[in-house]
PDB file of N, CA and C in Angstrom:
ATOM      1  N   UNK A   1      33.355   5.481  20.542  1.00  0.00           N
ATOM      2  CA  UNK A   1      33.037   4.840  19.271  1.00  0.00           C
ATOM      3  C   UNK A   1      32.414   3.461  19.478  1.00  0.00           C
ATOM      4  N   UNK A   2      32.895   2.726  20.470  1.00  0.00           N
ATOM      5  CA  UNK A   2      32.351   1.392  20.739  1.00  0.00           C
ATOM      6  C   UNK A   2      30.880   1.482  21.131  1.00  0.00           C
ATOM      7  N   UNK A   3      30.525   2.517  21.913  1.00  0.00           N
ATOM      8  CA  UNK A   3      29.126   2.676  22.302  1.00  0.00           C
ATOM      9  C   UNK A   3      28.244   2.997  21.101  1.00  0.00           C
ATOM     10  N   UNK A   4      28.766   3.754  20.142  1.00  0.00           N
ATOM     11  CA  UNK A   4      27.994   4.053  18.927  1.00  0.00           C
ATOM     12  C   UNK A   4      27.698   2.755  18.191  1.00  0.00           C
ATOM     13  N   UNK A   5      28.690   1.894  18.083  1.00  0.00           N
ATOM     14  CA  UNK A   5      28.495   0.609  17.404  1.00  0.00           C
ATOM     15  C   UNK A   5      27.491  -0.257  18.171  1.00  0.00           C
ATOM     16  N   UNK A   6      27.685  -0.370  19.484  1.00  0.00           N
ATOM     17  CA  UNK A   6      26.838  -1.252  20.288  1.00  0.00           C
ATOM     18  C   UNK A   6      25.390  -0.780  20.384  1.00  0.00           C
ATOM     19  N   UNK A   7      25.198   0.525  20.540  1.00  0.00           N
ATOM     20  CA  UNK A   7      23.862   1.015  20.875  1.00  0.00           C
ATOM     21  C   UNK A   7      23.182   1.785  19.757  1.00  0.00           C
ATOM     22  N   UNK A   8      23.866   1.970  18.631  1.00  0.00           N
ATOM     23  CA  UNK A   8      23.221   2.588  17.475  1.00  0.00           C
ATOM     24  C   UNK A   8      23.266   1.640  16.278  1.00  0.00           C
ATOM     25  N   UNK A   9      24.448   1.140  15.927  1.00  0.00           N
ATOM     26  CA  UNK A   9      24.565   0.295  14.737  1.00  0.00           C
ATOM     27  C   UNK A   9      24.053  -1.125  14.949  1.00  0.00           C
ATOM     28  N   UNK A  10      24.317  -1.715  16.093  1.00  0.00           N
ATOM     29  CA  UNK A  10      23.810  -3.075  16.352  1.00  0.00           C
ATOM     30  C   UNK A  10      22.282  -3.142  16.333  1.00  0.00           C
ATOM     31  N   UNK A  11      21.584  -2.188  16.955  1.00  0.00           N
ATOM     32  CA  UNK A  11      20.119  -2.237  16.857  1.00  0.00           C
ATOM     33  C   UNK A  11      19.625  -2.129  15.409  1.00  0.00           C
ATOM     34  N   UNK A  12      20.320  -1.354  14.610  1.00  0.00           N
ATOM     35  CA  UNK A  12      19.921  -1.228  13.208  1.00  0.00           C
ATOM     36  C   UNK A  12      20.100  -2.561  12.488  1.00  0.00           C
ATOM     37  N   UNK A  13      21.226  -3.203  12.712  1.00  0.00           N
ATOM     38  CA  UNK A  13      21.495  -4.504  12.075  1.00  0.00           C
ATOM     39  C   UNK A  13      20.486  -5.549  12.539  1.00  0.00           C
ATOM     40  N   UNK A  14      20.206  -5.588  13.841  1.00  0.00           N
ATOM     41  CA  UNK A  14      19.226  -6.541  14.358  1.00  0.00           C
ATOM     42  C   UNK A  14      17.831  -6.264  13.798  1.00  0.00           C
ATOM     43  N   UNK A  15      17.469  -5.001  13.683  1.00  0.00           N
ATOM     44  CA  UNK A  15      16.147  -4.658  13.153  1.00  0.00           C
ATOM     45  C   UNK A  15      16.017  -5.104  11.704  1.00  0.00           C
ATOM     46  N   UNK A  16      17.009  -4.788  10.896  1.00  0.00           N
ATOM     47  CA  UNK A  16      16.960  -5.157   9.480  1.00  0.00           C
ATOM     48  C   UNK A  16      16.955  -6.679   9.324  1.00  0.00           C
ATOM     49  N   UNK A  17      17.811  -7.367  10.053  1.00  0.00           N
ATOM     50  CA  UNK A  17      17.836  -8.836   9.985  1.00  0.00           C
ATOM     51  C   UNK A  17      16.489  -9.407  10.395  1.00  0.00           C
ATOM     52  N   UNK A  18      15.912  -8.862  11.457  1.00  0.00           N
ATOM     53  CA  UNK A  18      14.602  -9.325  11.917  1.00  0.00           C
ATOM     54  C   UNK A  18      13.521  -9.100  10.883  1.00  0.00           C
ATOM     55  N   UNK A  19      13.546  -7.938  10.228  1.00  0.00           N
ATOM     56  CA  UNK A  19      12.534  -7.643   9.209  1.00  0.00           C
ATOM     57  C   UNK A  19      12.652  -8.595   8.024  1.00  0.00           C
ATOM     58  N   UNK A  20      13.882  -8.891   7.596  1.00  0.00           N
ATOM     59  CA  UNK A  20      14.047  -9.836   6.492  1.00  0.00           C
ATOM     60  C   UNK A  20      13.628 -11.249   6.898  1.00  0.00           C
ATOM     61  N   UNK A  21      13.941 -11.644   8.117  1.00  0.00           N
ATOM     62  CA  UNK A  21      13.484 -12.950   8.598  1.00  0.00           C
ATOM     63  C   UNK A  21      11.968 -13.027   8.620  1.00  0.00           C
ATOM     64  N   UNK A  22      11.335 -11.966   9.092  1.00  0.00           N
ATOM     65  CA  UNK A  22       9.874 -11.945   9.134  1.00  0.00           C
ATOM     66  C   UNK A  22       9.288 -12.012   7.725  1.00  0.00           C
ATOM     67  N   UNK A  23       9.784 -11.184   6.824  1.00  0.00           N
ATOM     68  CA  UNK A  23       9.267 -11.161   5.452  1.00  0.00           C
ATOM     69  C   UNK A  23       9.455 -12.511   4.780  1.00  0.00           C
ATOM     70  N   UNK A  24      10.646 -13.084   4.919  1.00  0.00           N
ATOM     71  CA  UNK A  24      10.927 -14.382   4.295  1.00  0.00           C
ATOM     72  C   UNK A  24       9.985 -15.465   4.825  1.00  0.00           C
ATOM     73  N   UNK A  25       9.706 -15.428   6.122  1.00  0.00           N
ATOM     74  CA  UNK A  25       8.901 -16.478   6.735  1.00  0.00           C
ATOM     75  C   UNK A  25       7.398 -16.271   6.613  1.00  0.00           C
ATOM     76  N   UNK A  26       6.937 -15.071   6.313  1.00  0.00           N
ATOM     77  CA  UNK A  26       5.492 -14.864   6.154  1.00  0.00           C
ATOM     78  C   UNK A  26       5.058 -14.900   4.692  1.00  0.00           C
ATOM     79  N   UNK A  27       6.025 -14.812   3.771  1.00  0.00           N
ATOM     80  CA  UNK A  27       5.652 -14.912   2.352  1.00  0.00           C
ATOM     81  C   UNK A  27       4.929 -16.231   2.104  1.00  0.00           C
ATOM     82  N   UNK A  28       3.796 -16.137   1.471  1.00  0.00           N
ATOM     83  CA  UNK A  28       3.021 -17.335   1.155  1.00  0.00           C
ATOM     84  C   UNK A  28       2.071 -17.764   2.257  1.00  0.00           C
ATOM     85  N   UNK A  29       2.190 -17.170   3.442  1.00  0.00           N
ATOM     86  CA  UNK A  29       1.269 -17.499   4.525  1.00  0.00           C
ATOM     87  C   UNK A  29       0.074 -16.554   4.486  1.00  0.00           C
ATOM     88  N   UNK A  30      -1.051 -17.055   4.933  1.00  0.00           N
ATOM     89  CA  UNK A  30      -2.243 -16.218   5.052  1.00  0.00           C
ATOM     90  C   UNK A  30      -2.382 -15.831   6.520  1.00  0.00           C
ATOM     91  N   UNK A  31      -1.877 -14.644   6.859  1.00  0.00           N
ATOM     92  CA  UNK A  31      -1.878 -14.182   8.244  1.00  0.00           C
ATOM     93  C   UNK A  31      -2.934 -13.093   8.381  1.00  0.00           C
ATOM     94  N   UNK A  32      -3.732 -13.217   9.418  1.00  0.00           N
ATOM     95  CA  UNK A  32      -4.757 -12.211   9.697  1.00  0.00           C
ATOM     96  C   UNK A  32      -4.801 -11.925  11.189  1.00  0.00           C
ATOM     97  N   UNK A  33      -5.912 -11.375  11.619  1.00  0.00           N
ATOM     98  CA  UNK A  33      -6.112 -11.082  13.044  1.00  0.00           C
ATOM     99  C   UNK A  33      -7.031 -12.135  13.641  1.00  0.00           C
ATOM    100  N   UNK A  34      -6.526 -13.354  13.745  1.00  0.00           N
ATOM    101  CA  UNK A  34      -7.344 -14.418  14.320  1.00  0.00           C
ATOM    102  C   UNK A  34      -6.455 -15.385  15.106  1.00  0.00           C
ATOM    103  N   UNK A  35      -7.077 -16.287  15.820  1.00  0.00           N
ATOM    104  CA  UNK A  35      -6.367 -17.234  16.676  1.00  0.00           C
ATOM    105  C   UNK A  35      -5.454 -18.155  15.869  1.00  0.00           C
ATOM    106  N   UNK A  36      -5.905 -18.590  14.705  1.00  0.00           N
ATOM    107  CA  UNK A  36      -5.094 -19.477  13.877  1.00  0.00           C
ATOM    108  C   UNK A  36      -3.816 -18.755  13.413  1.00  0.00           C
ATOM    109  N   UNK A  37      -3.930 -17.486  13.075  1.00  0.00           N
ATOM    110  CA  UNK A  37      -2.747 -16.724  12.658  1.00  0.00           C
ATOM    111  C   UNK A  37      -1.763 -16.570  13.805  1.00  0.00           C
ATOM    112  N   UNK A  38      -2.269 -16.322  15.003  1.00  0.00           N
ATOM    113  CA  UNK A  38      -1.391 -16.242  16.175  1.00  0.00           C
ATOM    114  C   UNK A  38      -0.657 -17.558  16.399  1.00  0.00           C
ATOM    115  N   UNK A  39      -1.361 -18.649  16.196  1.00  0.00           N
ATOM    116  CA  UNK A  39      -0.742 -19.962  16.350  1.00  0.00           C
ATOM    117  C   UNK A  39       0.381 -20.141  15.323  1.00  0.00           C
ATOM    118  N   UNK A  40       0.136 -19.714  14.085  1.00  0.00           N
ATOM    119  CA  UNK A  40       1.166 -19.806  13.049  1.00  0.00           C
ATOM    120  C   UNK A  40       2.379 -18.954  13.436  1.00  0.00           C
ATOM    121  N   UNK A  41       2.109 -17.733  13.899  1.00  0.00           N
ATOM    122  CA  UNK A  41       3.192 -16.823  14.272  1.00  0.00           C
ATOM    123  C   UNK A  41       4.053 -17.421  15.374  1.00  0.00           C
ATOM    124  N   UNK A  42       3.406 -17.942  16.414  1.00  0.00           N
ATOM    125  CA  UNK A  42       4.163 -18.421  17.578  1.00  0.00           C
ATOM    126  C   UNK A  42       4.733 -19.817  17.418  1.00  0.00           C
ATOM    127  N   UNK A  43       4.399 -20.498  16.326  1.00  0.00           N
ATOM    128  CA  UNK A  43       4.963 -21.835  16.116  1.00  0.00           C
ATOM    129  C   UNK A  43       5.916 -21.902  14.923  1.00  0.00           C
ATOM    130  N   UNK A  44       6.138 -20.784  14.266  1.00  0.00           N
ATOM    131  CA  UNK A  44       7.073 -20.749  13.140  1.00  0.00           C
ATOM    132  C   UNK A  44       8.417 -20.228  13.649  1.00  0.00           C
ATOM    133  N   UNK A  45       9.434 -21.078  13.675  1.00  0.00           N
ATOM    134  CA  UNK A  45      10.728 -20.674  14.236  1.00  0.00           C
ATOM    135  C   UNK A  45      11.331 -19.422  13.586  1.00  0.00           C
ATOM    136  N   UNK A  46      11.219 -19.303  12.272  1.00  0.00           N
ATOM    137  CA  UNK A  46      11.780 -18.143  11.589  1.00  0.00           C
ATOM    138  C   UNK A  46      11.094 -16.846  11.988  1.00  0.00           C
ATOM    139  N   UNK A  47       9.799 -16.907  12.202  1.00  0.00           N
ATOM    140  CA  UNK A  47       9.067 -15.727  12.652  1.00  0.00           C
ATOM    141  C   UNK A  47       9.477 -15.378  14.072  1.00  0.00           C
ATOM    142  N   UNK A  48       9.595 -16.363  14.912  1.00  0.00           N
ATOM    143  CA  UNK A  48      10.006 -16.112  16.294  1.00  0.00           C
ATOM    144  C   UNK A  48      11.431 -15.551  16.349  1.00  0.00           C
ATOM    145  N   UNK A  49      12.307 -16.044  15.488  1.00  0.00           N
ATOM    146  CA  UNK A  49      13.672 -15.520  15.430  1.00  0.00           C
ATOM    147  C   UNK A  49      13.670 -14.059  14.968  1.00  0.00           C
ATOM    148  N   UNK A  50      12.846 -13.763  13.976  1.00  0.00           N
ATOM    149  CA  UNK A  50      12.724 -12.384  13.507  1.00  0.00           C
ATOM    150  C   UNK A  50      12.213 -11.461  14.604  1.00  0.00           C
ATOM    151  N   UNK A  51      11.188 -11.912  15.328  1.00  0.00           N
ATOM    152  CA  UNK A  51      10.659 -11.112  16.439  1.00  0.00           C
ATOM    153  C   UNK A  51      11.709 -10.929  17.533  1.00  0.00           C
ATOM    154  N   UNK A  52      12.486 -11.961  17.792  1.00  0.00           N
ATOM    155  CA  UNK A  52      13.554 -11.872  18.795  1.00  0.00           C
ATOM    156  C   UNK A  52      14.604 -10.846  18.381  1.00  0.00           C
ATOM    157  N   UNK A  53      14.957 -10.825  17.098  1.00  0.00           N
ATOM    158  CA  UNK A  53      15.922  -9.833  16.604  1.00  0.00           C
ATOM    159  C   UNK A  53      15.391  -8.413  16.787  1.00  0.00           C
ATOM    160  N   UNK A  54      14.131  -8.199  16.424  1.00  0.00           N
ATOM    161  CA  UNK A  54      13.542  -6.867  16.549  1.00  0.00           C
ATOM    162  C   UNK A  54      13.431  -6.469  18.023  1.00  0.00           C
ATOM    163  N   UNK A  55      13.057  -7.399  18.880  1.00  0.00           N
ATOM    164  CA  UNK A  55      12.957  -7.113  20.314  1.00  0.00           C
ATOM    165  C   UNK A  55      14.340  -6.793  20.895  1.00  0.00           C
ATOM    166  N   UNK A  56      15.355  -7.569  20.514  1.00  0.00           N
ATOM    167  CA  UNK A  56      16.721  -7.316  20.995  1.00  0.00           C
ATOM    168  C   UNK A  56      17.206  -5.943  20.551  1.00  0.00           C
ATOM    169  N   UNK A  57      16.881  -5.582  19.326  1.00  0.00           N
ATOM    170  CA  UNK A  57      17.245  -4.258  18.826  1.00  0.00           C
ATOM    171  C   UNK A  57      16.601  -3.169  19.674  1.00  0.00           C
ATOM    172  N   UNK A  58      15.364  -3.393  20.067  1.00  0.00           N
ATOM    173  CA  UNK A  58      14.655  -2.408  20.894  1.00  0.00           C
ATOM    174  C   UNK A  58      15.328  -2.221  22.247  1.00  0.00           C
ATOM    175  N   UNK A  59      15.767  -3.302  22.844  1.00  0.00           N
ATOM    176  CA  UNK A  59      16.438  -3.221  24.144  1.00  0.00           C
ATOM    177  C   UNK A  59      17.755  -2.451  24.007  1.00  0.00           C
ATOM    178  N   UNK A  60      18.548  -2.775  22.993  1.00  0.00           N
ATOM    179  CA  UNK A  60      19.810  -2.060  22.775  1.00  0.00           C
ATOM    180  C   UNK A  60      19.556  -0.578  22.501  1.00  0.00           C
ATOM    181  N   UNK A  61      18.507  -0.286  21.755  1.00  0.00           N
ATOM    182  CA  UNK A  61      18.175   1.102  21.436  1.00  0.00           C
ATOM    183  C   UNK A  61      17.802   1.883  22.696  1.00  0.00           C
ATOM    184  N   UNK A  62      17.052   1.253  23.574  1.00  0.00           N
ATOM    185  CA  UNK A  62      16.668   1.902  24.835  1.00  0.00           C
ATOM    186  C   UNK A  62      17.911   2.233  25.660  1.00  0.00           C
ATOM    187  N   UNK A  63      18.844   1.286  25.737  1.00  0.00           N
ATOM    188  CA  UNK A  63      20.097   1.545  26.461  1.00  0.00           C
ATOM    189  C   UNK A  63      20.846   2.696  25.794  1.00  0.00           C
ATOM    190  N   UNK A  64      20.883   2.700  24.477  1.00  0.00           N
ATOM    191  CA  UNK A  64      21.553   3.780  23.753  1.00  0.00           C
ATOM    192  C   UNK A  64      20.936   5.136  24.035  1.00  0.00           C
ATOM    193  N   UNK A  65      19.619   5.182  24.179  1.00  0.00           N
ATOM    194  CA  UNK A  65      18.960   6.457  24.478  1.00  0.00           C
ATOM    195  C   UNK A  65      19.385   7.008  25.824  1.00  0.00           C
ATOM    196  N   UNK A  66      19.811   6.133  26.712  1.00  0.00           N
ATOM    197  CA  UNK A  66      20.275   6.612  28.011  1.00  0.00           C
ATOM    198  C   UNK A  66      21.703   7.166  27.923  1.00  0.00           C
ATOM    199  N   UNK A  67      22.374   6.922  26.801  1.00  0.00           N
ATOM    200  CA  UNK A  67      23.773   7.320  26.659  1.00  0.00           C
ATOM    201  C   UNK A  67      23.992   8.462  25.668  1.00  0.00           C
ATOM    202  N   UNK A  68      23.085   8.653  24.724  1.00  0.00           N
ATOM    203  CA  UNK A  68      23.246   9.657  23.679  1.00  0.00           C
ATOM    204  C   UNK A  68      22.002  10.520  23.580  1.00  0.00           C
ATOM    205  N   UNK A  69      22.174  11.694  22.988  1.00  0.00           N
ATOM    206  CA  UNK A  69      21.028  12.534  22.694  1.00  0.00           C
ATOM    207  C   UNK A  69      20.205  11.876  21.586  1.00  0.00           C
ATOM    208  N   UNK A  70      18.914  11.930  21.719  1.00  0.00           N
ATOM    209  CA  UNK A  70      18.033  11.327  20.729  1.00  0.00           C
ATOM    210  C   UNK A  70      18.194  12.010  19.362  1.00  0.00           C
ATOM    211  N   UNK A  71      18.435  13.318  19.380  1.00  0.00           N
ATOM    212  CA  UNK A  71      18.609  14.048  18.121  1.00  0.00           C
ATOM    213  C   UNK A  71      19.866  13.612  17.374  1.00  0.00           C
ATOM    214  N   UNK A  72      20.825  13.003  18.073  1.00  0.00           N
ATOM    215  CA  UNK A  72      21.996  12.434  17.420  1.00  0.00           C
ATOM    216  C   UNK A  72      21.706  11.011  16.948  1.00  0.00           C
ATOM    217  N   UNK A  73      21.058  10.221  17.797  1.00  0.00           N
ATOM    218  CA  UNK A  73      20.828   8.810  17.504  1.00  0.00           C
ATOM    219  C   UNK A  73      19.818   8.568  16.386  1.00  0.00           C
ATOM    220  N   UNK A  74      18.702   9.245  16.482  1.00  0.00           N
ATOM    221  CA  UNK A  74      17.552   8.869  15.660  1.00  0.00           C
ATOM    222  C   UNK A  74      17.798   8.949  14.155  1.00  0.00           C
ATOM    223  N   UNK A  75      18.512   9.935  13.653  1.00  0.00           N
ATOM    224  CA  UNK A  75      18.741   9.956  12.200  1.00  0.00           C
ATOM    225  C   UNK A  75      19.433   8.695  11.667  1.00  0.00           C
ATOM    226  N   UNK A  76      20.183   8.009  12.514  1.00  0.00           N
ATOM    227  CA  UNK A  76      20.843   6.779  12.066  1.00  0.00           C
ATOM    228  C   UNK A  76      19.846   5.660  11.766  1.00  0.00           C
ATOM    229  N   UNK A  77      18.623   5.818  12.259  1.00  0.00           N
ATOM    230  CA  UNK A  77      17.587   4.837  11.925  1.00  0.00           C
ATOM    231  C   UNK A  77      17.320   4.820  10.423  1.00  0.00           C
ATOM    232  N   UNK A  78      17.685   5.897   9.738  1.00  0.00           N
ATOM    233  CA  UNK A  78      17.488   5.924   8.287  1.00  0.00           C
ATOM    234  C   UNK A  78      18.369   4.885   7.585  1.00  0.00           C
ATOM    235  N   UNK A  79      19.393   4.385   8.279  1.00  0.00           N
ATOM    236  CA  UNK A  79      20.172   3.277   7.713  1.00  0.00           C
ATOM    237  C   UNK A  79      19.292   2.055   7.496  1.00  0.00           C
ATOM    238  N   UNK A  80      18.244   1.927   8.307  1.00  0.00           N
ATOM    239  CA  UNK A  80      17.287   0.835   8.092  1.00  0.00           C
ATOM    240  C   UNK A  80      16.725   0.897   6.679  1.00  0.00           C
ATOM    241  N   UNK A  81      16.329   2.103   6.237  1.00  0.00           N
ATOM    242  CA  UNK A  81      15.753   2.255   4.905  1.00  0.00           C
ATOM    243  C   UNK A  81      16.749   1.842   3.835  1.00  0.00           C
ATOM    244  N   UNK A  82      17.984   2.269   4.008  1.00  0.00           N
ATOM    245  CA  UNK A  82      19.014   1.947   3.024  1.00  0.00           C
ATOM    246  C   UNK A  82      19.221   0.441   2.934  1.00  0.00           C
ATOM    247  N   UNK A  83      19.400  -0.192   4.073  1.00  0.00           N
ATOM    248  CA  UNK A  83      19.655  -1.635   4.094  1.00  0.00           C
ATOM    249  C   UNK A  83      18.450  -2.433   3.601  1.00  0.00           C
ATOM    250  N   UNK A  84      17.252  -1.965   3.923  1.00  0.00           N
ATOM    251  CA  UNK A  84      16.042  -2.659   3.465  1.00  0.00           C
ATOM    252  C   UNK A  84      15.902  -2.536   1.949  1.00  0.00           C
ATOM    253  N   UNK A  85      16.150  -1.345   1.395  1.00  0.00           N
ATOM    254  CA  UNK A  85      16.041  -1.165  -0.060  1.00  0.00           C
ATOM    255  C   UNK A  85      17.034  -2.061  -0.788  1.00  0.00           C
ATOM    256  N   UNK A  86      18.284  -2.033  -0.342  1.00  0.00           N
ATOM    257  CA  UNK A  86      19.315  -2.844  -1.002  1.00  0.00           C
ATOM    258  C   UNK A  86      19.024  -4.333  -0.817  1.00  0.00           C
ATOM    259  N   UNK A  87      18.681  -4.725   0.399  1.00  0.00           N
ATOM    260  CA  UNK A  87      18.376  -6.131   0.661  1.00  0.00           C
ATOM    261  C   UNK A  87      17.138  -6.614  -0.072  1.00  0.00           C
ATOM    262  N   UNK A  88      16.164  -5.743  -0.245  1.00  0.00           N
ATOM    263  CA  UNK A  88      14.947  -6.132  -0.964  1.00  0.00           C
ATOM    264  C   UNK A  88      15.250  -6.514  -2.403  1.00  0.00           C
ATOM    265  N   UNK A  89      16.163  -5.774  -2.998  1.00  0.00           N
ATOM    266  CA  UNK A  89      16.511  -6.092  -4.385  1.00  0.00           C
ATOM    267  C   UNK A  89      17.350  -7.359  -4.474  1.00  0.00           C
ATOM    268  N   UNK A  90      18.353  -7.478  -3.612  1.00  0.00           N
ATOM    269  CA  UNK A  90      19.297  -8.584  -3.763  1.00  0.00           C
ATOM    270  C   UNK A  90      18.875  -9.866  -3.043  1.00  0.00           C
ATOM    271  N   UNK A  91      18.195  -9.746  -1.921  1.00  0.00           N
ATOM    272  CA  UNK A  91      17.779 -10.938  -1.182  1.00  0.00           C
ATOM    273  C   UNK A  91      16.373 -11.398  -1.559  1.00  0.00           C
ATOM    274  N   UNK A  92      15.465 -10.442  -1.709  1.00  0.00           N
ATOM    275  CA  UNK A  92      14.073 -10.788  -2.002  1.00  0.00           C
ATOM    276  C   UNK A  92      13.746 -10.698  -3.485  1.00  0.00           C
ATOM    277  N   UNK A  93      14.710 -10.256  -4.280  1.00  0.00           N
ATOM    278  CA  UNK A  93      14.552 -10.137  -5.742  1.00  0.00           C
ATOM    279  C   UNK A  93      13.404  -9.209  -6.129  1.00  0.00           C
ATOM    280  N   UNK A  94      13.196  -8.152  -5.344  1.00  0.00           N
ATOM    281  CA  UNK A  94      12.184  -7.158  -5.665  1.00  0.00           C
ATOM    282  C   UNK A  94      12.737  -6.179  -6.688  1.00  0.00           C
ATOM    283  N   UNK A  95      11.850  -5.580  -7.468  1.00  0.00           N
ATOM    284  CA  UNK A  95      12.245  -4.584  -8.450  1.00  0.00           C
ATOM    285  C   UNK A  95      12.325  -3.227  -7.761  1.00  0.00           C
ATOM    286  N   UNK A  96      13.549  -2.749  -7.539  1.00  0.00           N
ATOM    287  CA  UNK A  96      13.765  -1.473  -6.864  1.00  0.00           C
ATOM    288  C   UNK A  96      14.127  -0.435  -7.920  1.00  0.00           C
ATOM    289  N   UNK A  97      13.347   0.646  -7.972  1.00  0.00           N
ATOM    290  CA  UNK A  97      13.537   1.664  -8.998  1.00  0.00           C
ATOM    291  C   UNK A  97      14.665   2.625  -8.626  1.00  0.00           C
ATOM    292  N   UNK A  98      15.171   3.328  -9.631  1.00  0.00           N
ATOM    293  CA  UNK A  98      16.302   4.228  -9.478  1.00  0.00           C
ATOM    294  C   UNK A  98      16.035   5.347  -8.474  1.00  0.00           C
ATOM    295  N   UNK A  99      14.804   5.841  -8.387  1.00  0.00           N
ATOM    296  CA  UNK A  99      14.532   6.938  -7.450  1.00  0.00           C
ATOM    297  C   UNK A  99      14.771   6.522  -6.000  1.00  0.00           C
ATOM    298  N   UNK A 100      14.652   5.258  -5.695  1.00  0.00           N
ATOM    299  CA  UNK A 100      14.961   4.790  -4.341  1.00  0.00           C
ATOM    300  C   UNK A 100      16.471   4.831  -4.089  1.00  0.00           C
ATOM    301  N   UNK A 101      17.256   4.538  -5.112  1.00  0.00           N
ATOM    302  CA  UNK A 101      18.708   4.634  -4.955  1.00  0.00           C
ATOM    303  C   UNK A 101      19.169   6.083  -4.853  1.00  0.00           C
ATOM    304  N   UNK A 102      18.488   6.973  -5.532  1.00  0.00           N
ATOM    305  CA  UNK A 102      18.786   8.404  -5.381  1.00  0.00           C
ATOM    306  C   UNK A 102      18.487   8.835  -3.950  1.00  0.00           C
ATOM    307  N   UNK A 103      17.393   8.329  -3.394  1.00  0.00           N
ATOM    308  CA  UNK A 103      17.061   8.670  -2.000  1.00  0.00           C
ATOM    309  C   UNK A 103      18.118   8.139  -1.039  1.00  0.00           C
ATOM    310  N   UNK A 104      18.719   7.005  -1.352  1.00  0.00           N
ATOM    311  CA  UNK A 104      19.797   6.460  -0.517  1.00  0.00           C
ATOM    312  C   UNK A 104      20.975   7.438  -0.482  1.00  0.00           C
ATOM    313  N   UNK A 105      21.314   7.995  -1.626  1.00  0.00           N
ATOM    314  CA  UNK A 105      22.423   8.959  -1.680  1.00  0.00           C
ATOM    315  C   UNK A 105      22.114  10.169  -0.810  1.00  0.00           C
ATOM    316  N   UNK A 106      20.897  10.669  -0.882  1.00  0.00           N
ATOM    317  CA  UNK A 106      20.511  11.825  -0.069  1.00  0.00           C
ATOM    318  C   UNK A 106      20.546  11.500   1.424  1.00  0.00           C
ATOM    319  N   UNK A 107      20.084  10.311   1.775  1.00  0.00           N
ATOM    320  CA  UNK A 107      20.129   9.882   3.177  1.00  0.00           C
ATOM    321  C   UNK A 107      21.575   9.818   3.657  1.00  0.00           C
ATOM    322  N   UNK A 108      22.446   9.248   2.848  1.00  0.00           N
ATOM    323  CA  UNK A 108      23.858   9.127   3.238  1.00  0.00           C
ATOM    324  C   UNK A 108      24.507  10.495   3.423  1.00  0.00           C
ATOM    325  N   UNK A 109      24.179  11.444   2.562  1.00  0.00           N
ATOM    326  CA  UNK A 109      24.720  12.800   2.724  1.00  0.00           C
ATOM    327  C   UNK A 109      24.278  13.375   4.062  1.00  0.00           C
ATOM    328  N   UNK A 110      23.013  13.219   4.395  1.00  0.00           N
ATOM    329  CA  UNK A 110      22.514  13.707   5.679  1.00  0.00           C
ATOM    330  C   UNK A 110      23.182  13.028   6.859  1.00  0.00           C
ATOM    331  N   UNK A 111      23.392  11.727   6.760  1.00  0.00           N
ATOM    332  CA  UNK A 111      24.043  11.001   7.852  1.00  0.00           C
ATOM    333  C   UNK A 111      25.492  11.432   8.042  1.00  0.00           C
ATOM    334  N   UNK A 112      26.180  11.712   6.960  1.00  0.00           N
ATOM    335  CA  UNK A 112      27.560  12.184   7.076  1.00  0.00           C
ATOM    336  C   UNK A 112      27.588  13.508   7.823  1.00  0.00           C
ATOM    337  N   UNK A 113      26.672  14.396   7.483  1.00  0.00           N
ATOM    338  CA  UNK A 113      26.621  15.693   8.161  1.00  0.00           C
ATOM    339  C   UNK A 113      26.299  15.511   9.637  1.00  0.00           C
ATOM    340  N   UNK A 114      25.318  14.674   9.954  1.00  0.00           N
ATOM    341  CA  UNK A 114      24.930  14.459  11.352  1.00  0.00           C
ATOM    342  C   UNK A 114      26.035  13.771  12.139  1.00  0.00           C
ATOM    343  N   UNK A 115      26.701  12.795  11.533  1.00  0.00           N
ATOM    344  CA  UNK A 115      27.732  12.052  12.268  1.00  0.00           C
ATOM    345  C   UNK A 115      28.929  12.933  12.606  1.00  0.00           C
ATOM    346  N   UNK A 116      29.128  13.987  11.871  1.00  0.00           N
ATOM    347  CA  UNK A 116      30.236  14.901  12.142  1.00  0.00           C
ATOM    348  C   UNK A 116      29.865  15.983  13.142  1.00  0.00           C
ATOM    349  N   UNK A 117      28.582  16.045  13.492  1.00  0.00           N
ATOM    350  CA  UNK A 117      28.154  17.048  14.465  1.00  0.00           C
ATOM    351  C   UNK A 117      28.525  16.596  15.873  1.00  0.00           C
ATOM    352  N   UNK A 118      28.583  17.549  16.749  1.00  0.00           N
ATOM    353  CA  UNK A 118      28.923  17.236  18.136  1.00  0.00           C
ATOM    354  C   UNK A 118      27.748  16.485  18.765  1.00  0.00           C
ATOM    355  N   UNK A 119      28.056  15.407  19.445  1.00  0.00           N
ATOM    356  CA  UNK A 119      27.015  14.689  20.182  1.00  0.00           C
ATOM    357  C   UNK A 119      27.469  14.580  21.629  1.00  0.00           C
ATOM    358  N   UNK A 120      26.529  14.719  22.495  1.00  0.00           N
ATOM    359  CA  UNK A 120      26.834  14.716  23.913  1.00  0.00           C
ATOM    360  C   UNK A 120      26.460  13.363  24.489  1.00  0.00           C
ATOM    361  N   UNK A 121      27.427  12.721  25.102  1.00  0.00           N
ATOM    362  CA  UNK A 121      27.121  11.507  25.841  1.00  0.00           C
ATOM    363  C   UNK A 121      26.528  11.918  27.179  1.00  0.00           C
ATOM    364  N   UNK A 122      25.414  11.324  27.492  1.00  0.00           N
ATOM    365  CA  UNK A 122      24.747  11.682  28.738  1.00  0.00           C
ATOM    366  C   UNK A 122      25.402  10.954  29.910  1.00  0.00           C
ATOM    367  N   UNK A 123      25.688   9.681  29.735  1.00  0.00           N
ATOM    368  CA  UNK A 123      26.299   8.872  30.796  1.00  0.00           C
ATOM    369  C   UNK A 123      27.327   7.948  30.188  1.00  0.00           C
ATOM    370  N   UNK A 124      28.311   7.617  30.939  1.00  0.00           N
ATOM    371  CA  UNK A 124      29.313   6.641  30.481  1.00  0.00           C
ATOM    372  C   UNK A 124      28.909   5.257  30.866  1.00  0.00           C
TER     373      UNK A 124
END
């Protein structure tokens, strides 16, 4: 169970936190594909923190792939969608429609079924 938390849930939390940090810090900025935009990206602490969170999540996810079957791990990435939808409404004050909340219920049903399935640890 500890490995599931460390290598499946922690990467999800880091990814979502990183995405919100990135969104919060790029709102109002004019970012494009040019040298000035790169300078803004690499000199804005909040953007760098967001990128660090996403990168850290990637490293943890890679380690997790060495320990679990991908067919068990990957569906949990859908938690990203759930957390982003909820966070978008409450943190970013976006207008989230009811059909997105219905999709959250369907995702959760699928995750419950998958989490109860047998998963094989490849390595300890």
